[in-house]
């Protein structure tokens, strides 16, 4: 069995094949590589203009959706970066988690909190370990 995915080359000539290794494809998907997703999967990720929301609100809504669906940790990073770039503060990002709590439930919020914290550069687990005699 081959480790190579053979499929028509996006934007290539008829009959040309893309021989991208399946491991590379899975790595790019796991990292939420926006360029790869847009060009190879044809899924446009930039919907700010179409949504008619300002960039900050749009980024926070996308973060809320990622939190609600139990997205992969790399998806949190991909959601936090544009929110910060659009002018959202860390309190607003954490506030988004609090805002979705009644809808998604506390178990989901408790599960998402450390992953969101990592996307913000704060390691909750390390903080717990640093405190003697204190645990979650």
Protein backbone atom coordinates (compact mmCIF):
# COMPACT_ATOMS: atom_id res chain seq x y z
CA UNK A 1 0.00 0.00 0.00
CA UNK A 2 1.34 3.42 -0.97
CA UNK A 3 1.75 6.28 1.47
CA UNK A 4 0.98 8.77 -1.28
CA UNK A 5 -2.38 10.29 -2.09
CA UNK A 6 -3.02 10.48 -5.84
CA UNK A 7 -5.66 12.99 -6.82
CA UNK A 8 -6.11 15.64 -9.48
CA UNK A 9 -3.76 18.55 -8.90
CA UNK A 10 -5.69 21.64 -7.76
CA UNK A 11 -5.33 24.23 -10.48
CA UNK A 12 -3.15 21.89 -12.53
CA UNK A 13 -3.50 20.46 -15.98
CA UNK A 14 -5.98 17.63 -16.62
CA UNK A 15 -4.25 14.34 -15.96
CA UNK A 16 -1.64 15.83 -13.61
CA UNK A 17 -1.67 14.32 -10.15
CA UNK A 18 -0.74 15.69 -6.76
CA UNK A 19 1.35 13.13 -4.93
CA UNK A 20 1.29 14.86 -1.56
CA UNK A 21 2.10 12.40 1.19
CA UNK A 22 -0.93 11.55 3.33
CA UNK A 23 1.07 12.37 6.44
CA UNK A 24 1.68 15.90 5.18
CA UNK A 25 -2.03 16.32 4.43
CA UNK A 26 -3.02 15.13 7.90
CA UNK A 27 -0.38 17.37 9.50
CA UNK A 28 -1.67 20.41 7.63
CA UNK A 29 -5.26 19.63 8.58
CA UNK A 30 -4.31 19.07 12.23
CA UNK A 31 -2.56 22.46 12.24
CA UNK A 32 -5.58 24.08 10.60
CA UNK A 33 -3.32 25.36 7.81
CA UNK A 34 -5.63 28.00 6.32
CA UNK A 35 -3.78 28.26 3.00
CA UNK A 36 -3.90 24.50 2.51
CA UNK A 37 -7.57 24.34 3.46
CA UNK A 38 -8.49 27.15 1.09
CA UNK A 39 -6.44 25.99 -1.89
CA UNK A 40 -6.65 22.22 -1.59
CA UNK A 41 -10.06 21.75 -0.03
CA UNK A 42 -11.71 24.77 -1.57
CA UNK A 43 -13.08 25.92 1.76
CA UNK A 44 -12.85 29.68 2.06
CA UNK A 45 -12.03 30.72 5.60
CA UNK A 46 -12.14 34.47 5.15
CA UNK A 47 -15.83 35.27 5.58
CA UNK A 48 -15.51 38.62 7.37
CA UNK A 49 -16.85 40.69 4.49
CA UNK A 50 -19.70 38.32 3.69
CA UNK A 51 -20.74 38.10 7.36
CA UNK A 52 -21.07 41.89 7.63
CA UNK A 53 -19.51 41.74 11.08
CA UNK A 54 -16.51 43.77 12.09
CA UNK A 55 -13.28 41.77 12.20
CA UNK A 56 -13.17 41.53 16.01
CA UNK A 57 -16.76 40.34 16.37
CA UNK A 58 -16.26 37.88 13.52
CA UNK A 59 -13.15 36.41 15.19
CA UNK A 60 -14.90 36.09 18.56
CA UNK A 61 -17.91 34.38 16.97
CA UNK A 62 -15.60 31.89 15.24
CA UNK A 63 -13.86 31.28 18.56
CA UNK A 64 -17.24 30.66 20.19
CA UNK A 65 -18.06 28.11 17.50
CA UNK A 66 -14.72 26.34 18.02
CA UNK A 67 -15.38 26.21 21.77
CA UNK A 68 -18.89 24.88 21.25
CA UNK A 69 -17.88 21.99 19.00
CA UNK A 70 -14.92 20.78 21.06
CA UNK A 71 -12.44 21.76 18.37
CA UNK A 72 -8.83 20.61 18.35
CA UNK A 73 -6.33 22.72 20.30
CA UNK A 74 -4.77 23.98 17.06
CA UNK A 75 -8.19 25.36 16.12
CA UNK A 76 -8.19 27.48 19.26
CA UNK A 77 -4.85 28.95 18.24
CA UNK A 78 -6.23 29.59 14.76
CA UNK A 79 -9.22 31.37 16.30
CA UNK A 80 -7.33 33.35 18.96
CA UNK A 81 -4.70 34.81 16.62
CA UNK A 82 -7.16 36.71 14.37
CA UNK A 83 -9.15 37.83 17.42
CA UNK A 84 -6.03 39.38 18.95
CA UNK A 85 -5.02 40.83 15.58
CA UNK A 86 -8.47 42.40 15.24
CA UNK A 87 -8.10 44.15 18.59
CA UNK A 88 -9.81 41.73 20.96
CA UNK A 89 -8.34 41.74 24.44
CA UNK A 90 -7.57 38.64 26.44
CA UNK A 91 -10.52 39.45 28.73
CA UNK A 92 -12.84 39.49 25.69
CA UNK A 93 -11.48 36.15 24.51
CA UNK A 94 -11.98 34.57 27.94
CA UNK A 95 -15.37 36.32 28.07
CA UNK A 96 -16.33 34.44 24.91
CA UNK A 97 -15.79 31.17 26.77
CA UNK A 98 -17.96 32.44 29.63
CA UNK A 99 -20.64 33.63 27.19
CA UNK A 100 -21.04 30.19 25.60
CA UNK A 101 -21.17 28.38 28.98
CA UNK A 102 -24.97 28.37 29.30
CA UNK A 103 -25.28 26.93 25.81
CA UNK A 104 -22.47 24.37 25.78
CA UNK A 105 -22.51 23.37 29.46
CA UNK A 106 -19.96 23.53 32.22
CA UNK A 107 -18.29 20.22 31.32
CA UNK A 108 -17.42 21.63 27.89
CA UNK A 109 -16.22 24.93 29.40
CA UNK A 110 -14.02 23.14 31.95
CA UNK A 111 -12.57 21.00 29.16
CA UNK A 112 -11.96 23.99 26.86
CA UNK A 113 -10.46 26.34 29.46
CA UNK A 114 -6.93 24.84 29.55
CA UNK A 115 -6.82 24.58 25.75
CA UNK A 116 -7.92 28.19 25.33
CA UNK A 117 -5.40 29.23 27.98
CA UNK A 118 -2.60 27.55 26.00
CA UNK A 119 -3.69 29.41 22.87
CA UNK A 120 -3.29 32.59 24.93
CA UNK A 121 0.17 31.54 26.14
CA UNK A 122 -0.86 30.48 29.65
CA UNK A 123 -0.26 26.88 30.75
CA UNK A 124 -2.89 26.13 33.40
CA UNK A 125 -1.46 22.68 34.15
CA UNK A 126 2.00 24.14 34.80
CA UNK A 127 0.42 26.75 37.07
CA UNK A 128 -1.26 24.00 39.10
CA UNK A 129 2.02 22.10 39.38
CA UNK A 130 3.81 25.25 40.56
CA UNK A 131 1.45 25.67 43.49
CA UNK A 132 2.40 23.36 46.33
CA UNK A 133 -0.45 21.35 47.72
CA UNK A 134 -2.99 22.72 45.24
CA UNK A 135 -4.67 20.75 42.51
CA UNK A 136 -7.58 21.17 40.18
